[in-house]
Amino acid sequence: MALSISLVLLLGILVVVLIRGKSVKPGPAVVCVLFGFFLASTSMAPSINRFVTSVADMIGQIRL
């Protein structure tokens, strides 16, 4: 059975868990979210997207 989840949703849950667990304070978390938001509008976005997609595909091909 394959489980498909959006990377944005997964990272959002991770940020909430880190904030609630006091590992990351809300201020730095907001800065990181804003950095990602603005990074998405740069010329590096397609390269980052291809890299993340290839890593996700590689993980998806692992058979246990």
N, C-alpha and C. Protein backbone atom coordinates (compact mmCIF):
# COMPACT_ATOMS: atom_id res chain seq x y z
N MET A 1 0.84 -1.17 0.00
CA MET A 1 0.00 0.00 0.00
C MET A 1 0.89 1.24 0.00
N ALA A 2 0.66 2.11 -0.95
CA ALA A 2 1.47 3.32 -1.07
C ALA A 2 0.76 4.48 -0.40
N LEU A 3 1.51 5.27 0.30
CA LEU A 3 0.96 6.45 0.96
C LEU A 3 1.52 7.67 0.26
N SER A 4 0.65 8.54 -0.18
CA SER A 4 1.08 9.74 -0.87
C SER A 4 0.68 10.95 -0.03
N ILE A 5 1.65 11.80 0.26
CA ILE A 5 1.38 12.99 1.06
C ILE A 5 2.16 14.15 0.46
N SER A 6 1.56 15.29 0.47
CA SER A 6 2.20 16.48 -0.07
C SER A 6 3.41 16.85 0.79
N LEU A 7 4.49 17.22 0.13
CA LEU A 7 5.69 17.63 0.86
C LEU A 7 5.42 18.89 1.66
N VAL A 8 4.60 19.78 1.12
CA VAL A 8 4.26 21.00 1.85
C VAL A 8 3.52 20.66 3.14
N LEU A 9 2.58 19.73 3.06
CA LEU A 9 1.84 19.31 4.25
C LEU A 9 2.77 18.66 5.26
N LEU A 10 3.65 17.79 4.79
CA LEU A 10 4.60 17.12 5.68
C LEU A 10 5.52 18.12 6.38
N LEU A 11 6.06 19.08 5.63
CA LEU A 11 6.94 20.08 6.23
C LEU A 11 6.17 21.00 7.17
N GLY A 12 4.93 21.31 6.83
CA GLY A 12 4.10 22.13 7.72
C GLY A 12 3.86 21.44 9.05
N ILE A 13 3.57 20.15 8.99
CA ILE A 13 3.38 19.38 10.23
C ILE A 13 4.67 19.35 11.04
N LEU A 14 5.79 19.18 10.35
CA LEU A 14 7.08 19.16 11.03
C LEU A 14 7.37 20.48 11.73
N VAL A 15 7.06 21.60 11.09
CA VAL A 15 7.27 22.92 11.71
C VAL A 15 6.40 23.06 12.96
N VAL A 16 5.15 22.65 12.87
CA VAL A 16 4.25 22.74 14.03
C VAL A 16 4.77 21.88 15.18
N VAL A 17 5.22 20.67 14.87
CA VAL A 17 5.75 19.79 15.91
C VAL A 17 6.99 20.39 16.55
N LEU A 18 7.88 20.97 15.74
CA LEU A 18 9.09 21.57 16.29
C LEU A 18 8.78 22.79 17.16
N ILE A 19 7.79 23.58 16.76
CA ILE A 19 7.41 24.74 17.56
C ILE A 19 6.78 24.28 18.88
N ARG A 20 5.88 23.32 18.81
CA ARG A 20 5.22 22.84 20.03
C ARG A 20 6.19 22.12 20.96
N GLY A 21 7.20 21.48 20.41
CA GLY A 21 8.19 20.78 21.21
C GLY A 21 9.29 21.69 21.72
N LYS A 22 9.17 22.97 21.45
CA LYS A 22 10.15 23.98 21.90
C LYS A 22 11.53 23.79 21.30
N SER A 23 11.61 23.05 20.18
CA SER A 23 12.88 22.90 19.49
C SER A 23 13.19 24.14 18.65
N VAL A 24 12.12 24.75 18.15
CA VAL A 24 12.26 25.96 17.34
C VAL A 24 11.25 26.97 17.86
N LYS A 25 11.70 28.18 18.05
CA LYS A 25 10.79 29.22 18.49
C LYS A 25 10.00 29.74 17.29
N PRO A 26 8.82 30.32 17.53
CA PRO A 26 7.99 30.79 16.42
C PRO A 26 8.66 31.82 15.52
N GLY A 27 9.47 32.71 16.07
CA GLY A 27 10.14 33.73 15.26
C GLY A 27 11.05 33.14 14.19
N PRO A 28 12.01 32.30 14.58
CA PRO A 28 12.86 31.68 13.56
C PRO A 28 12.08 30.80 12.58
N ALA A 29 11.00 30.17 13.03
CA ALA A 29 10.19 29.36 12.12
C ALA A 29 9.55 30.23 11.05
N VAL A 30 9.06 31.40 11.44
CA VAL A 30 8.46 32.33 10.48
C VAL A 30 9.52 32.81 9.49
N VAL A 31 10.72 33.09 9.98
CA VAL A 31 11.80 33.52 9.10
C VAL A 31 12.12 32.43 8.07
N CYS A 32 12.16 31.18 8.52
CA CYS A 32 12.44 30.08 7.59
C CYS A 32 11.34 29.92 6.56
N VAL A 33 10.08 30.07 6.98
CA VAL A 33 8.96 29.98 6.04
C VAL A 33 9.04 31.10 5.01
N LEU A 34 9.32 32.31 5.46
CA LEU A 34 9.45 33.44 4.54
C LEU A 34 10.63 33.24 3.59
N PHE A 35 11.73 32.71 4.10
CA PHE A 35 12.88 32.42 3.24
C PHE A 35 12.48 31.45 2.13
N GLY A 36 11.78 30.39 2.50
CA GLY A 36 11.33 29.42 1.50
C GLY A 36 10.37 30.04 0.50
N PHE A 37 9.49 30.91 0.98
CA PHE A 37 8.53 31.57 0.11
C PHE A 37 9.25 32.43 -0.93
N PHE A 38 10.20 33.23 -0.48
CA PHE A 38 10.92 34.10 -1.41
C PHE A 38 11.91 33.32 -2.27
N LEU A 39 12.46 32.24 -1.76
CA LEU A 39 13.34 31.39 -2.55
C LEU A 39 12.59 30.77 -3.72
N ALA A 40 11.31 30.49 -3.52
CA ALA A 40 10.50 29.88 -4.57
C ALA A 40 10.32 30.80 -5.77
N SER A 41 10.52 32.09 -5.59
CA SER A 41 10.35 33.02 -6.70
C SER A 41 11.67 33.37 -7.38
N THR A 42 12.75 32.71 -7.00
CA THR A 42 14.05 32.98 -7.61
C THR A 42 14.29 32.02 -8.78
N SER A 43 15.39 32.23 -9.45
CA SER A 43 15.75 31.35 -10.57
C SER A 43 16.23 29.98 -10.11
N MET A 44 16.48 29.82 -8.82
CA MET A 44 16.91 28.53 -8.28
C MET A 44 15.74 27.58 -8.06
N ALA A 45 14.51 28.08 -8.09
CA ALA A 45 13.33 27.26 -7.77
C ALA A 45 13.21 26.01 -8.65
N PRO A 46 13.37 26.11 -9.98
CA PRO A 46 13.24 24.89 -10.78
C PRO A 46 14.29 23.82 -10.43
N SER A 47 15.50 24.25 -10.15
CA SER A 47 16.56 23.29 -9.78
C SER A 47 16.25 22.61 -8.45
N ILE A 48 15.78 23.39 -7.49
CA ILE A 48 15.41 22.82 -6.19
C ILE A 48 14.24 21.86 -6.35
N ASN A 49 13.28 22.24 -7.16
CA ASN A 49 12.11 21.40 -7.39
C ASN A 49 12.52 20.07 -8.04
N ARG A 50 13.40 20.12 -9.03
CA ARG A 50 13.88 18.89 -9.67
C ARG A 50 14.63 18.00 -8.68
N PHE A 51 15.46 18.60 -7.83
CA PHE A 51 16.22 17.85 -6.84
C PHE A 51 15.28 17.16 -5.85
N VAL A 52 14.31 17.89 -5.31
CA VAL A 52 13.38 17.31 -4.34
C VAL A 52 12.54 16.22 -5.00
N THR A 53 12.13 16.44 -6.25
CA THR A 53 11.35 15.43 -6.96
C THR A 53 12.16 14.17 -7.19
N SER A 54 13.43 14.31 -7.55
CA SER A 54 14.26 13.13 -7.79
C SER A 54 14.53 12.37 -6.49
N VAL A 55 14.71 13.08 -5.38
CA VAL A 55 14.90 12.41 -4.08
C VAL A 55 13.62 11.68 -3.69
N ALA A 56 12.46 12.32 -3.89
CA ALA A 56 11.19 11.68 -3.56
C ALA A 56 10.97 10.44 -4.43
N ASP A 57 11.32 10.53 -5.72
CA ASP A 57 11.19 9.37 -6.60
C ASP A 57 12.11 8.24 -6.16
N MET A 58 13.33 8.59 -5.76
CA MET A 58 14.28 7.60 -5.30
C MET A 58 13.76 6.89 -4.05
N ILE A 59 13.22 7.67 -3.11
CA ILE A 59 12.67 7.08 -1.89
C ILE A 59 11.47 6.20 -2.22
N GLY A 60 10.67 6.65 -3.18
CA GLY A 60 9.50 5.88 -3.57
C GLY A 60 9.83 4.56 -4.23
N GLN A 61 11.02 4.42 -4.77
CA GLN A 61 11.41 3.17 -5.44
C GLN A 61 12.03 2.16 -4.50
N ILE A 62 12.26 2.55 -3.25
CA ILE A 62 12.85 1.63 -2.28
C ILE A 62 11.82 0.59 -1.90
N ARG A 63 12.20 -0.66 -2.03
CA ARG A 63 11.31 -1.78 -1.67
C ARG A 63 11.85 -2.42 -0.41
N LEU A 64 10.98 -2.55 0.57
CA LEU A 64 11.41 -3.16 1.84
C LEU A 64 11.09 -4.62 1.86
